[in-house]
Every structure is written in structure tokens, then in C-alpha cells.
Amino acid sequence: MLTFEAAIGAVQAAVAHGHAAGMMPLCAVVLDAGGHELALGRADGAGFYRVPIARTKAVACLGMGLDGRALAERAGKAPAFYAALASVTPGGVVPVAGGVLIRDAGGVVVGAIGISGDTSDNDEAAALAGLAAAGLNAGRATVSSATR
């Protein structure tokens, strides 16, 4: 089960990770498995477009059942499908790294986190750091050694 307290913890830790790592100001959103917002945080200086971008990264993960990095790989192989998908989904689709599924101990998706504000790789690194700090299980996302 994804709790409000864990969601707030993940958001705060993700934004703090970005700040500590010298990233651009981040926005973090945690959604439950139904796509409902549990927590949102926007660092001082983060642009207001960062909120809908972060939310859409998380929604895309939930809607497709894949982390943002996997969505990006698939979008590269099927750009027409993802263009069509973006046109038929409320709020669009942002198929890039920075959205990560949250799973329970049994591997069931219980939510997703979306981060926006820096490069997609750095957004993903902040998402993973936030989830780890909050004691939440990430989906299958991996971060390259260049962003660790």
C-alpha cells in the first residue's frame, strides 16, 4: 500500500536529492495506482510547467505499465503509436526517463513518481533516490553510471 506519508517522503527526498546534486530545481509528483495525486513538491525556482510534465510522466508509466525509460525506448521504435497515444490521452504522454513505477513487496504496481526539472536521466536519478529514501520499491528503471 502506498501511504500519504511515504509519498510525501519520496517527494521531499527527490527534490532534496536534486538540490544536493546541483541539479536544476525539480518538481516531484507521486500518484497512486489509480492516477490520483498523493503528493506534489516544487522546489523554489522550478518553472510552473514542471508540475504538469512531472504528473504526465507518472501517468504515462501507470497507463502503460512501464517506467519512463522503457517508454522512451518503445517510443523510439514506434513513434507513430506514441504520437497517436499522446493525442488520445488526457494530458498527453511524456515517454522519457523521470517517471518510475512504485511496486509493493509482491511486485504489484501501487503508484508512480514523476520528476521534471533537469535532464531526463537526472530526473530519473532523483526519482529513484526519493523512492529509496522513503523505503519504496521502484519499478524496473535503471540509471546509467554517468548519472550516479
N, C-alpha and C. Protein backbone atom coordinates (compact mmCIF):
# COMPACT_ATOMS: atom_id res chain seq x y z
N MET A 1 0.84 -1.18 0.00
CA MET A 1 0.00 0.00 0.00
C MET A 1 0.88 1.25 0.00
N LEU A 2 0.53 2.19 -0.81
CA LEU A 2 1.26 3.45 -0.88
C LEU A 2 0.56 4.46 0.02
N THR A 3 1.24 4.90 1.06
CA THR A 3 0.64 5.83 2.01
C THR A 3 0.97 7.28 1.67
N PHE A 4 0.17 8.17 2.20
CA PHE A 4 0.41 9.60 2.06
C PHE A 4 1.79 9.96 2.62
N GLU A 5 2.11 9.42 3.79
CA GLU A 5 3.39 9.73 4.43
C GLU A 5 4.57 9.29 3.57
N ALA A 6 4.48 8.11 2.98
CA ALA A 6 5.56 7.62 2.12
C ALA A 6 5.66 8.47 0.86
N ALA A 7 4.51 8.87 0.31
CA ALA A 7 4.51 9.70 -0.90
C ALA A 7 5.17 11.05 -0.62
N ILE A 8 4.80 11.67 0.50
CA ILE A 8 5.41 12.95 0.88
C ILE A 8 6.92 12.77 1.08
N GLY A 9 7.31 11.68 1.73
CA GLY A 9 8.73 11.41 1.95
C GLY A 9 9.50 11.26 0.65
N ALA A 10 8.90 10.57 -0.32
CA ALA A 10 9.56 10.38 -1.62
C ALA A 10 9.71 11.70 -2.35
N VAL A 11 8.67 12.53 -2.32
CA VAL A 11 8.73 13.84 -2.98
C VAL A 11 9.82 14.70 -2.34
N GLN A 12 9.80 14.79 -1.02
CA GLN A 12 10.79 15.62 -0.33
C GLN A 12 12.21 15.12 -0.59
N ALA A 13 12.41 13.82 -0.54
CA ALA A 13 13.75 13.26 -0.74
C ALA A 13 14.21 13.44 -2.18
N ALA A 14 13.31 13.31 -3.15
CA ALA A 14 13.68 13.50 -4.55
C ALA A 14 14.11 14.94 -4.82
N VAL A 15 13.34 15.89 -4.33
CA VAL A 15 13.68 17.30 -4.52
C VAL A 15 14.98 17.63 -3.80
N ALA A 16 15.16 17.11 -2.59
CA ALA A 16 16.39 17.34 -1.84
C ALA A 16 17.59 16.72 -2.55
N HIS A 17 17.41 15.54 -3.13
CA HIS A 17 18.50 14.89 -3.88
C HIS A 17 18.93 15.78 -5.04
N GLY A 18 17.96 16.30 -5.77
CA GLY A 18 18.28 17.19 -6.88
C GLY A 18 19.06 18.41 -6.43
N HIS A 19 18.64 19.00 -5.35
CA HIS A 19 19.34 20.19 -4.83
C HIS A 19 20.77 19.83 -4.42
N ALA A 20 20.92 18.74 -3.67
CA ALA A 20 22.25 18.32 -3.20
C ALA A 20 23.18 17.96 -4.35
N ALA A 21 22.61 17.45 -5.45
CA ALA A 21 23.42 17.04 -6.60
C ALA A 21 23.67 18.19 -7.57
N GLY A 22 23.17 19.38 -7.24
CA GLY A 22 23.39 20.53 -8.12
C GLY A 22 22.52 20.54 -9.37
N MET A 23 21.41 19.83 -9.32
CA MET A 23 20.50 19.81 -10.47
C MET A 23 19.70 21.11 -10.52
N MET A 24 19.07 21.34 -11.65
CA MET A 24 18.13 22.44 -11.77
C MET A 24 16.99 22.17 -10.78
N PRO A 25 16.22 23.20 -10.39
CA PRO A 25 15.12 22.98 -9.44
C PRO A 25 14.11 21.97 -9.99
N LEU A 26 13.74 21.02 -9.15
CA LEU A 26 12.89 19.91 -9.57
C LEU A 26 11.46 20.05 -9.05
N CYS A 27 10.58 19.37 -9.75
CA CYS A 27 9.21 19.15 -9.31
C CYS A 27 9.03 17.65 -9.23
N ALA A 28 8.36 17.19 -8.17
CA ALA A 28 8.10 15.76 -7.99
C ALA A 28 6.62 15.56 -7.69
N VAL A 29 6.04 14.53 -8.31
CA VAL A 29 4.64 14.17 -8.09
C VAL A 29 4.57 12.67 -7.85
N VAL A 30 3.82 12.27 -6.83
CA VAL A 30 3.55 10.85 -6.59
C VAL A 30 2.05 10.63 -6.76
N LEU A 31 1.72 9.63 -7.58
CA LEU A 31 0.34 9.24 -7.84
C LEU A 31 0.09 7.84 -7.31
N ASP A 32 -1.14 7.56 -6.87
CA ASP A 32 -1.48 6.19 -6.50
C ASP A 32 -1.76 5.40 -7.78
N ALA A 33 -2.07 4.13 -7.64
CA ALA A 33 -2.25 3.26 -8.81
C ALA A 33 -3.41 3.71 -9.71
N GLY A 34 -4.35 4.45 -9.17
CA GLY A 34 -5.46 4.96 -9.96
C GLY A 34 -5.18 6.30 -10.61
N GLY A 35 -3.96 6.80 -10.44
CA GLY A 35 -3.59 8.07 -11.05
C GLY A 35 -3.95 9.29 -10.22
N HIS A 36 -4.33 9.08 -8.97
CA HIS A 36 -4.71 10.18 -8.10
C HIS A 36 -3.48 10.73 -7.39
N GLU A 37 -3.38 12.03 -7.34
CA GLU A 37 -2.22 12.69 -6.74
C GLU A 37 -2.22 12.51 -5.23
N LEU A 38 -1.12 11.99 -4.70
CA LEU A 38 -0.93 11.87 -3.25
C LEU A 38 -0.03 12.97 -2.72
N ALA A 39 0.97 13.35 -3.51
CA ALA A 39 1.93 14.34 -3.04
C ALA A 39 2.56 15.07 -4.23
N LEU A 40 2.81 16.34 -4.02
CA LEU A 40 3.45 17.17 -5.03
C LEU A 40 4.39 18.13 -4.33
N GLY A 41 5.56 18.30 -4.90
CA GLY A 41 6.50 19.28 -4.37
C GLY A 41 7.24 19.94 -5.52
N ARG A 42 7.39 21.25 -5.42
CA ARG A 42 8.10 22.00 -6.47
C ARG A 42 9.14 22.86 -5.77
N ALA A 43 10.40 22.62 -6.10
CA ALA A 43 11.49 23.39 -5.49
C ALA A 43 11.40 24.85 -5.89
N ASP A 44 11.87 25.71 -5.02
CA ASP A 44 11.94 27.13 -5.35
C ASP A 44 12.68 27.29 -6.67
N GLY A 45 12.10 28.05 -7.58
CA GLY A 45 12.73 28.31 -8.85
C GLY A 45 12.33 27.37 -9.96
N ALA A 46 11.60 26.30 -9.64
CA ALA A 46 11.16 25.37 -10.69
C ALA A 46 10.01 26.02 -11.47
N GLY A 47 10.08 25.96 -12.77
CA GLY A 47 9.05 26.56 -13.62
C GLY A 47 7.69 25.91 -13.42
N PHE A 48 6.63 26.66 -13.66
CA PHE A 48 5.29 26.11 -13.42
C PHE A 48 4.90 25.03 -14.40
N TYR A 49 5.54 24.93 -15.55
CA TYR A 49 5.27 23.81 -16.46
C TYR A 49 5.80 22.49 -15.91
N ARG A 50 6.69 22.56 -14.95
CA ARG A 50 7.28 21.34 -14.38
C ARG A 50 6.23 20.47 -13.71
N VAL A 51 5.19 21.08 -13.14
CA VAL A 51 4.14 20.31 -12.46
C VAL A 51 3.41 19.40 -13.45
N PRO A 52 2.83 19.92 -14.53
CA PRO A 52 2.13 19.01 -15.45
C PRO A 52 3.08 18.03 -16.16
N ILE A 53 4.32 18.42 -16.38
CA ILE A 53 5.27 17.49 -17.01
C ILE A 53 5.54 16.32 -16.07
N ALA A 54 5.82 16.60 -14.80
CA ALA A 54 6.09 15.53 -13.83
C ALA A 54 4.87 14.63 -13.67
N ARG A 55 3.69 15.23 -13.58
CA ARG A 55 2.46 14.44 -13.44
C ARG A 55 2.26 13.54 -14.66
N THR A 56 2.49 14.09 -15.85
CA THR A 56 2.27 13.32 -17.07
C THR A 56 3.29 12.19 -17.20
N LYS A 57 4.52 12.39 -16.73
CA LYS A 57 5.49 11.30 -16.72
C LYS A 57 4.97 10.15 -15.87
N ALA A 58 4.45 10.47 -14.67
CA ALA A 58 3.93 9.43 -13.78
C ALA A 58 2.69 8.76 -14.37
N VAL A 59 1.79 9.55 -14.92
CA VAL A 59 0.56 9.00 -15.52
C VAL A 59 0.90 8.06 -16.68
N ALA A 60 1.85 8.44 -17.51
CA ALA A 60 2.24 7.59 -18.64
C ALA A 60 2.76 6.25 -18.16
N CYS A 61 3.54 6.25 -17.08
CA CYS A 61 4.04 4.99 -16.52
C CYS A 61 2.88 4.11 -16.07
N LEU A 62 1.94 4.71 -15.34
CA LEU A 62 0.80 3.94 -14.85
C LEU A 62 -0.05 3.42 -16.01
N GLY A 63 -0.31 4.29 -16.97
CA GLY A 63 -1.18 3.92 -18.08
C GLY A 63 -0.62 2.83 -18.97
N MET A 64 0.69 2.81 -19.11
CA MET A 64 1.32 1.82 -19.98
C MET A 64 1.96 0.66 -19.21
N GLY A 65 2.08 0.81 -17.88
CA GLY A 65 2.67 -0.26 -17.07
C GLY A 65 4.16 -0.41 -17.22
N LEU A 66 4.82 0.69 -17.59
CA LEU A 66 6.27 0.69 -17.81
C LEU A 66 6.89 1.93 -17.22
N ASP A 67 8.15 1.84 -16.83
CA ASP A 67 8.88 3.02 -16.41
C ASP A 67 9.16 3.93 -17.60
N GLY A 68 9.44 5.19 -17.32
CA GLY A 68 9.68 6.17 -18.37
C GLY A 68 10.80 5.79 -19.32
N ARG A 69 11.85 5.21 -18.80
CA ARG A 69 12.98 4.82 -19.66
C ARG A 69 12.53 3.77 -20.68
N ALA A 70 11.76 2.80 -20.24
CA ALA A 70 11.24 1.77 -21.15
C ALA A 70 10.27 2.40 -22.16
N LEU A 71 9.46 3.35 -21.71
CA LEU A 71 8.56 4.05 -22.63
C LEU A 71 9.35 4.80 -23.69
N ALA A 72 10.45 5.44 -23.30
CA ALA A 72 11.28 6.17 -24.25
C ALA A 72 11.85 5.23 -25.31
N GLU A 73 12.31 4.07 -24.86
CA GLU A 73 12.85 3.09 -25.82
C GLU A 73 11.77 2.63 -26.80
N ARG A 74 10.59 2.36 -26.29
CA ARG A 74 9.50 1.93 -27.16
C ARG A 74 9.06 3.05 -28.09
N ALA A 75 9.02 4.29 -27.57
CA ALA A 75 8.62 5.43 -28.41
C ALA A 75 9.59 5.62 -29.56
N GLY A 76 10.87 5.34 -29.32
CA GLY A 76 11.86 5.44 -30.39
C GLY A 76 11.63 4.42 -31.49
N LYS A 77 11.05 3.28 -31.12
CA LYS A 77 10.81 2.21 -32.10
C LYS A 77 9.43 2.33 -32.75
N ALA A 78 8.52 3.06 -32.11
CA ALA A 78 7.14 3.18 -32.62
C ALA A 78 6.65 4.62 -32.46
N PRO A 79 7.32 5.57 -33.12
CA PRO A 79 6.95 6.97 -32.90
C PRO A 79 5.51 7.30 -33.30
N ALA A 80 5.00 6.66 -34.34
CA ALA A 80 3.62 6.95 -34.76
C ALA A 80 2.63 6.53 -33.68
N PHE A 81 2.86 5.38 -33.05
CA PHE A 81 1.98 4.93 -31.98
C PHE A 81 1.99 5.92 -30.82
N TYR A 82 3.16 6.36 -30.41
CA TYR A 82 3.25 7.26 -29.26
C TYR A 82 2.71 8.65 -29.58
N ALA A 83 2.83 9.06 -30.82
CA ALA A 83 2.20 10.33 -31.23
C ALA A 83 0.69 10.20 -31.15
N ALA A 84 0.16 9.09 -31.62
CA ALA A 84 -1.28 8.85 -31.55
C ALA A 84 -1.73 8.72 -30.10
N LEU A 85 -0.95 8.02 -29.29
CA LEU A 85 -1.28 7.85 -27.87
C LEU A 85 -1.37 9.20 -27.18
N ALA A 86 -0.43 10.07 -27.48
CA ALA A 86 -0.43 11.41 -26.87
C ALA A 86 -1.67 12.20 -27.25
N SER A 87 -2.19 11.95 -28.44
CA SER A 87 -3.36 12.71 -28.89
C SER A 87 -4.67 12.19 -28.31
N VAL A 88 -4.70 10.97 -27.81
CA VAL A 88 -5.94 10.41 -27.30
C VAL A 88 -5.98 10.27 -25.78
N THR A 89 -4.92 10.62 -25.11
CA THR A 89 -4.89 10.51 -23.65
C THR A 89 -5.00 11.90 -23.03
N PRO A 90 -5.82 12.03 -22.00
CA PRO A 90 -5.94 13.33 -21.33
C PRO A 90 -4.58 13.77 -20.79
N GLY A 91 -4.16 14.96 -21.14
CA GLY A 91 -2.89 15.48 -20.66
C GLY A 91 -1.69 15.03 -21.46
N GLY A 92 -1.89 14.12 -22.42
CA GLY A 92 -0.79 13.66 -23.26
C GLY A 92 0.04 12.58 -22.60
N VAL A 93 1.17 12.31 -23.21
CA VAL A 93 2.11 11.29 -22.75
C VAL A 93 3.51 11.88 -22.87
N VAL A 94 4.32 11.70 -21.84
CA VAL A 94 5.71 12.13 -21.88
C VAL A 94 6.57 10.87 -21.72
N PRO A 95 6.93 10.23 -22.84
CA PRO A 95 7.66 8.96 -22.76
C PRO A 95 9.17 9.16 -22.64
N VAL A 96 9.61 9.61 -21.48
CA VAL A 96 11.02 9.81 -21.22
C VAL A 96 11.35 9.36 -19.79
N ALA A 97 12.62 9.17 -19.53
CA ALA A 97 13.05 8.83 -18.17
C ALA A 97 12.65 9.96 -17.22
N GLY A 98 12.39 9.58 -15.98
CA GLY A 98 11.95 10.54 -14.97
C GLY A 98 10.62 10.14 -14.37
N GLY A 99 9.96 9.17 -14.99
CA GLY A 99 8.77 8.55 -14.42
C GLY A 99 9.14 7.14 -14.02
N VAL A 100 8.77 6.74 -12.80
CA VAL A 100 9.14 5.42 -12.29
C VAL A 100 7.93 4.81 -11.57
N LEU A 101 7.63 3.57 -11.90
CA LEU A 101 6.57 2.86 -11.19
C LEU A 101 6.99 2.56 -9.76
N ILE A 102 6.01 2.53 -8.87
CA ILE A 102 6.24 2.14 -7.47
C ILE A 102 5.51 0.82 -7.27
N ARG A 103 6.23 -0.17 -6.74
CA ARG A 103 5.67 -1.51 -6.56
C ARG A 103 5.68 -1.91 -5.09
N ASP A 104 4.74 -2.75 -4.71
CA ASP A 104 4.76 -3.28 -3.35
C ASP A 104 5.75 -4.45 -3.31
N ALA A 105 5.87 -5.06 -2.15
CA ALA A 105 6.84 -6.15 -1.98
C ALA A 105 6.58 -7.32 -2.91
N GLY A 106 5.33 -7.49 -3.34
CA GLY A 106 4.99 -8.58 -4.25
C GLY A 106 5.12 -8.22 -5.72
N GLY A 107 5.55 -6.99 -6.01
CA GLY A 107 5.74 -6.56 -7.39
C GLY A 107 4.53 -5.90 -8.02
N VAL A 108 3.45 -5.74 -7.27
CA VAL A 108 2.24 -5.11 -7.79
C VAL A 108 2.42 -3.59 -7.81
N VAL A 109 2.03 -2.98 -8.92
CA VAL A 109 2.14 -1.53 -9.04
C VAL A 109 1.15 -0.86 -8.09
N VAL A 110 1.67 0.01 -7.23
CA VAL A 110 0.83 0.75 -6.28
C VAL A 110 0.84 2.25 -6.56
N GLY A 111 1.65 2.68 -7.52
CA GLY A 111 1.71 4.09 -7.86
C GLY A 111 2.86 4.39 -8.79
N ALA A 112 3.15 5.67 -8.92
CA ALA A 112 4.28 6.11 -9.75
C ALA A 112 4.74 7.47 -9.26
N ILE A 113 6.01 7.75 -9.51
CA ILE A 113 6.57 9.07 -9.24
C ILE A 113 7.02 9.66 -10.57
N GLY A 114 6.80 10.94 -10.73
CA GLY A 114 7.28 11.66 -11.90
C GLY A 114 8.09 12.85 -11.45
N ILE A 115 9.21 13.07 -12.10
CA ILE A 115 10.10 14.19 -11.78
C ILE A 115 10.36 14.98 -13.05
N SER A 116 10.39 16.30 -12.92
CA SER A 116 10.74 17.16 -14.04
C SER A 116 11.54 18.34 -13.52
N GLY A 117 12.50 18.78 -14.33
CA GLY A 117 13.28 19.95 -13.97
C GLY A 117 14.69 19.94 -14.51
N ASP A 118 15.26 18.78 -14.72
CA ASP A 118 16.63 18.67 -15.20
C ASP A 118 16.62 17.75 -16.42
N THR A 119 17.74 17.14 -16.74
CA THR A 119 17.75 16.17 -17.82
C THR A 119 16.90 14.97 -17.41
N SER A 120 16.43 14.22 -18.36
CA SER A 120 15.63 13.04 -18.04
C SER A 120 16.40 12.04 -17.20
N ASP A 121 17.68 11.85 -17.49
CA ASP A 121 18.49 10.94 -16.68
C ASP A 121 18.59 11.41 -15.23
N ASN A 122 18.81 12.72 -15.05
CA ASN A 122 18.88 13.25 -13.69
C ASN A 122 17.53 13.21 -13.00
N ASP A 123 16.46 13.47 -13.74
CA ASP A 123 15.12 13.35 -13.17
C ASP A 123 14.90 11.92 -12.65
N GLU A 124 15.29 10.94 -13.45
CA GLU A 124 15.15 9.54 -13.04
C GLU A 124 15.99 9.25 -11.80
N ALA A 125 17.21 9.75 -11.77
CA ALA A 125 18.07 9.53 -10.60
C ALA A 125 17.43 10.10 -9.34
N ALA A 126 16.82 11.28 -9.46
CA ALA A 126 16.15 11.88 -8.31
C ALA A 126 14.93 11.06 -7.90
N ALA A 127 14.19 10.55 -8.87
CA ALA A 127 13.03 9.70 -8.57
C ALA A 127 13.45 8.46 -7.80
N LEU A 128 14.49 7.80 -8.28
CA LEU A 128 14.97 6.59 -7.62
C LEU A 128 15.49 6.88 -6.22
N ALA A 129 16.20 8.00 -6.07
CA ALA A 129 16.71 8.40 -4.75
C ALA A 129 15.55 8.70 -3.80
N GLY A 130 14.53 9.37 -4.30
CA GLY A 130 13.38 9.68 -3.46
C GLY A 130 12.66 8.43 -3.01
N LEU A 131 12.46 7.49 -3.92
CA LEU A 131 11.79 6.25 -3.56
C LEU A 131 12.61 5.46 -2.54
N ALA A 132 13.92 5.37 -2.77
CA ALA A 132 14.78 4.64 -1.85
C ALA A 132 14.74 5.26 -0.45
N ALA A 133 14.82 6.58 -0.39
CA ALA A 133 14.82 7.27 0.90
C ALA A 133 13.51 7.07 1.65
N ALA A 134 12.41 6.92 0.91
CA ALA A 134 11.10 6.73 1.53
C ALA A 134 10.79 5.25 1.78
N GLY A 135 11.72 4.36 1.44
CA GLY A 135 11.52 2.94 1.66
C GLY A 135 10.54 2.32 0.68
N LEU A 136 10.42 2.92 -0.50
CA LEU A 136 9.50 2.41 -1.52
C LEU A 136 10.27 1.65 -2.59
N ASN A 137 9.61 0.66 -3.20
CA ASN A 137 10.22 -0.16 -4.24
C ASN A 137 9.98 0.46 -5.60
N ALA A 138 11.07 0.65 -6.33
CA ALA A 138 10.97 1.18 -7.69
C ALA A 138 10.55 0.09 -8.64
N GLY A 139 10.12 0.51 -9.83
CA GLY A 139 9.83 -0.43 -10.90
C GLY A 139 11.13 -1.00 -11.43
N ARG A 140 11.23 -1.14 -12.72
CA ARG A 140 12.42 -1.76 -13.31
C ARG A 140 13.41 -0.75 -13.85
N ALA A 141 13.29 0.52 -13.49
CA ALA A 141 14.19 1.54 -14.04
C ALA A 141 15.62 1.28 -13.59
N THR A 142 16.54 1.61 -14.46
CA THR A 142 17.94 1.58 -14.12
C THR A 142 18.54 2.93 -14.50
N VAL A 143 19.59 3.30 -13.81
CA VAL A 143 20.24 4.57 -14.08
C VAL A 143 21.66 4.26 -14.53
N SER A 144 22.08 4.90 -15.61
CA SER A 144 23.43 4.66 -16.12
C SER A 144 24.45 5.16 -15.11
N SER A 145 25.67 4.64 -15.18
CA SER A 145 26.71 5.05 -14.26
C SER A 145 27.05 6.53 -14.42
N ALA A 146 26.74 7.12 -15.56
CA ALA A 146 27.04 8.54 -15.79
C ALA A 146 26.19 9.45 -14.91
N THR A 147 25.04 8.97 -14.44
CA THR A 147 24.16 9.83 -13.65
C THR A 147 24.16 9.48 -12.18
N ARG A 148 24.98 8.54 -11.78
CA ARG A 148 25.04 8.17 -10.36
C ARG A 148 25.96 9.07 -9.61
